[in-house]
Amino acid sequence: MLDEIGRAGRYLTQSFRLMVGVPDYGSYVAHMKATHPDQAPMSYEAFFRERQAARYGARMGRCC
């Protein structure tokens, strides 16, 4: 029962982060280990900057 509650809490946390646009570094690292074991994952700071650039692209710093 406690395991199910913990899993639900992690799922909700991830869902809320995705709703507001906060990237999930843990999922990225797990993906890299599973599918690209020969490549080192980016640092959290590099990952965050890359996700921001992908989300906002050329619109960064502009209002509209």
N, C-alpha and C. Protein backbone atom coordinates (compact mmCIF):
# COMPACT_ATOMS: atom_id res chain seq x y z
N MET A 1 0.83 -1.20 0.00
CA MET A 1 0.00 0.00 0.00
C MET A 1 0.88 1.26 0.00
N LEU A 2 1.88 1.30 0.87
CA LEU A 2 2.76 2.47 0.91
C LEU A 2 3.53 2.62 -0.39
N ASP A 3 3.89 1.50 -1.00
CA ASP A 3 4.59 1.54 -2.28
C ASP A 3 3.71 2.19 -3.35
N GLU A 4 2.43 1.84 -3.35
CA GLU A 4 1.49 2.41 -4.32
C GLU A 4 1.30 3.91 -4.10
N ILE A 5 1.26 4.31 -2.86
CA ILE A 5 1.11 5.74 -2.54
C ILE A 5 2.35 6.51 -3.00
N GLY A 6 3.53 5.95 -2.75
CA GLY A 6 4.77 6.58 -3.19
C GLY A 6 4.84 6.70 -4.70
N ARG A 7 4.43 5.64 -5.39
CA ARG A 7 4.44 5.65 -6.85
C ARG A 7 3.45 6.70 -7.37
N ALA A 8 2.29 6.79 -6.76
CA ALA A 8 1.30 7.79 -7.18
C ALA A 8 1.84 9.20 -6.93
N GLY A 9 2.53 9.40 -5.82
CA GLY A 9 3.12 10.71 -5.53
C GLY A 9 4.17 11.10 -6.56
N ARG A 10 5.02 10.16 -6.95
CA ARG A 10 6.03 10.44 -7.97
C ARG A 10 5.38 10.75 -9.31
N TYR A 11 4.33 10.00 -9.64
CA TYR A 11 3.61 10.23 -10.90
C TYR A 11 2.98 11.63 -10.91
N LEU A 12 2.34 12.01 -9.81
CA LEU A 12 1.72 13.34 -9.73
C LEU A 12 2.77 14.45 -9.80
N THR A 13 3.88 14.26 -9.12
CA THR A 13 4.96 15.25 -9.16
C THR A 13 5.47 15.43 -10.58
N GLN A 14 5.72 14.32 -11.27
CA GLN A 14 6.18 14.41 -12.65
C GLN A 14 5.13 15.09 -13.52
N SER A 15 3.87 14.77 -13.32
CA SER A 15 2.80 15.38 -14.12
C SER A 15 2.73 16.88 -13.90
N PHE A 16 2.83 17.32 -12.66
CA PHE A 16 2.79 18.76 -12.36
C PHE A 16 3.98 19.47 -12.98
N ARG A 17 5.16 18.85 -12.90
CA ARG A 17 6.34 19.48 -13.49
C ARG A 17 6.19 19.62 -14.99
N LEU A 18 5.66 18.60 -15.66
CA LEU A 18 5.47 18.68 -17.10
C LEU A 18 4.43 19.74 -17.45
N MET A 19 3.41 19.91 -16.62
CA MET A 19 2.37 20.91 -16.89
C MET A 19 2.94 22.33 -16.88
N VAL A 20 3.88 22.59 -15.99
CA VAL A 20 4.44 23.93 -15.89
C VAL A 20 5.74 24.08 -16.67
N GLY A 21 6.18 23.00 -17.32
CA GLY A 21 7.34 23.09 -18.19
C GLY A 21 8.68 22.85 -17.53
N VAL A 22 8.70 22.23 -16.37
CA VAL A 22 9.97 21.91 -15.71
C VAL A 22 10.43 20.55 -16.23
N PRO A 23 11.61 20.48 -16.85
CA PRO A 23 12.08 19.22 -17.41
C PRO A 23 12.44 18.21 -16.32
N ASP A 24 12.32 16.93 -16.63
CA ASP A 24 12.59 15.86 -15.68
C ASP A 24 13.97 15.27 -15.96
N TYR A 25 14.96 15.73 -15.22
CA TYR A 25 16.34 15.30 -15.41
C TYR A 25 16.51 13.82 -15.10
N GLY A 26 15.84 13.31 -14.09
CA GLY A 26 15.95 11.90 -13.72
C GLY A 26 15.51 10.98 -14.85
N SER A 27 14.42 11.32 -15.52
CA SER A 27 13.95 10.53 -16.66
C SER A 27 14.95 10.59 -17.81
N TYR A 28 15.53 11.76 -18.02
CA TYR A 28 16.54 11.91 -19.07
C TYR A 28 17.75 11.02 -18.80
N VAL A 29 18.24 11.03 -17.56
CA VAL A 29 19.40 10.21 -17.21
C VAL A 29 19.07 8.72 -17.37
N ALA A 30 17.89 8.31 -16.93
CA ALA A 30 17.48 6.91 -17.08
C ALA A 30 17.40 6.53 -18.55
N HIS A 31 16.87 7.42 -19.38
CA HIS A 31 16.80 7.17 -20.82
C HIS A 31 18.20 7.02 -21.42
N MET A 32 19.10 7.91 -21.03
CA MET A 32 20.46 7.85 -21.56
C MET A 32 21.15 6.54 -21.18
N LYS A 33 20.98 6.11 -19.94
CA LYS A 33 21.60 4.86 -19.50
C LYS A 33 21.02 3.66 -20.23
N ALA A 34 19.72 3.69 -20.49
CA ALA A 34 19.05 2.55 -21.12
C ALA A 34 19.30 2.48 -22.62
N THR A 35 19.30 3.63 -23.30
CA THR A 35 19.36 3.60 -24.76
C THR A 35 20.67 4.09 -25.36
N HIS A 36 21.44 4.83 -24.59
CA HIS A 36 22.72 5.36 -25.07
C HIS A 36 23.82 5.16 -24.02
N PRO A 37 24.11 3.92 -23.64
CA PRO A 37 25.07 3.70 -22.54
C PRO A 37 26.49 4.14 -22.88
N ASP A 38 26.79 4.32 -24.17
CA ASP A 38 28.13 4.74 -24.57
C ASP A 38 28.33 6.25 -24.47
N GLN A 39 27.26 7.01 -24.24
CA GLN A 39 27.34 8.47 -24.16
C GLN A 39 27.11 8.93 -22.72
N ALA A 40 27.87 9.92 -22.32
CA ALA A 40 27.68 10.49 -20.98
C ALA A 40 26.50 11.46 -21.00
N PRO A 41 25.61 11.41 -20.01
CA PRO A 41 24.50 12.37 -19.98
C PRO A 41 25.01 13.79 -19.69
N MET A 42 24.24 14.77 -20.13
CA MET A 42 24.58 16.17 -19.85
C MET A 42 24.46 16.43 -18.35
N SER A 43 25.15 17.45 -17.90
CA SER A 43 24.97 17.88 -16.51
C SER A 43 23.56 18.46 -16.38
N TYR A 44 23.09 18.61 -15.13
CA TYR A 44 21.75 19.16 -14.94
C TYR A 44 21.65 20.56 -15.54
N GLU A 45 22.69 21.37 -15.35
CA GLU A 45 22.66 22.74 -15.86
C GLU A 45 22.59 22.76 -17.38
N ALA A 46 23.39 21.92 -18.06
CA ALA A 46 23.36 21.86 -19.52
C ALA A 46 22.02 21.33 -20.01
N PHE A 47 21.48 20.32 -19.32
CA PHE A 47 20.18 19.77 -19.68
C PHE A 47 19.09 20.83 -19.56
N PHE A 48 19.10 21.59 -18.47
CA PHE A 48 18.08 22.61 -18.26
C PHE A 48 18.17 23.69 -19.33
N ARG A 49 19.38 24.14 -19.65
CA ARG A 49 19.55 25.16 -20.69
C ARG A 49 19.07 24.65 -22.05
N GLU A 50 19.40 23.39 -22.37
CA GLU A 50 19.00 22.81 -23.64
C GLU A 50 17.48 22.69 -23.74
N ARG A 51 16.83 22.30 -22.64
CA ARG A 51 15.36 22.18 -22.63
C ARG A 51 14.70 23.54 -22.77
N GLN A 52 15.28 24.56 -22.11
CA GLN A 52 14.72 25.91 -22.24
C GLN A 52 14.84 26.40 -23.68
N ALA A 53 15.99 26.17 -24.29
CA ALA A 53 16.19 26.60 -25.68
C ALA A 53 15.23 25.86 -26.60
N ALA A 54 15.01 24.57 -26.35
CA ALA A 54 14.09 23.81 -27.18
C ALA A 54 12.65 24.29 -27.00
N ARG A 55 12.32 24.69 -25.80
CA ARG A 55 10.94 25.13 -25.54
C ARG A 55 10.66 26.52 -26.08
N TYR A 56 11.61 27.44 -25.85
CA TYR A 56 11.35 28.83 -26.22
C TYR A 56 11.99 29.22 -27.55
N GLY A 57 13.01 28.51 -27.97
CA GLY A 57 13.67 28.76 -29.26
C GLY A 57 14.07 30.20 -29.44
N ALA A 58 13.75 30.75 -30.59
CA ALA A 58 14.14 32.13 -30.93
C ALA A 58 13.32 33.16 -30.18
N ARG A 59 12.28 32.73 -29.50
CA ARG A 59 11.41 33.68 -28.78
C ARG A 59 12.01 34.15 -27.47
N MET A 60 13.12 33.57 -27.03
CA MET A 60 13.71 33.97 -25.74
C MET A 60 14.03 35.47 -25.75
N GLY A 61 13.65 36.13 -24.71
CA GLY A 61 13.93 37.54 -24.57
C GLY A 61 12.93 38.45 -25.27
N ARG A 62 11.99 37.88 -25.96
CA ARG A 62 10.98 38.70 -26.65
C ARG A 62 9.64 38.52 -25.98
N CYS A 63 8.82 39.51 -26.10
CA CYS A 63 7.50 39.47 -25.49
C CYS A 63 6.53 38.64 -26.31
N CYS A 64 6.52 38.82 -27.60
CA CYS A 64 5.50 38.16 -28.44
C CYS A 64 6.10 37.38 -29.58
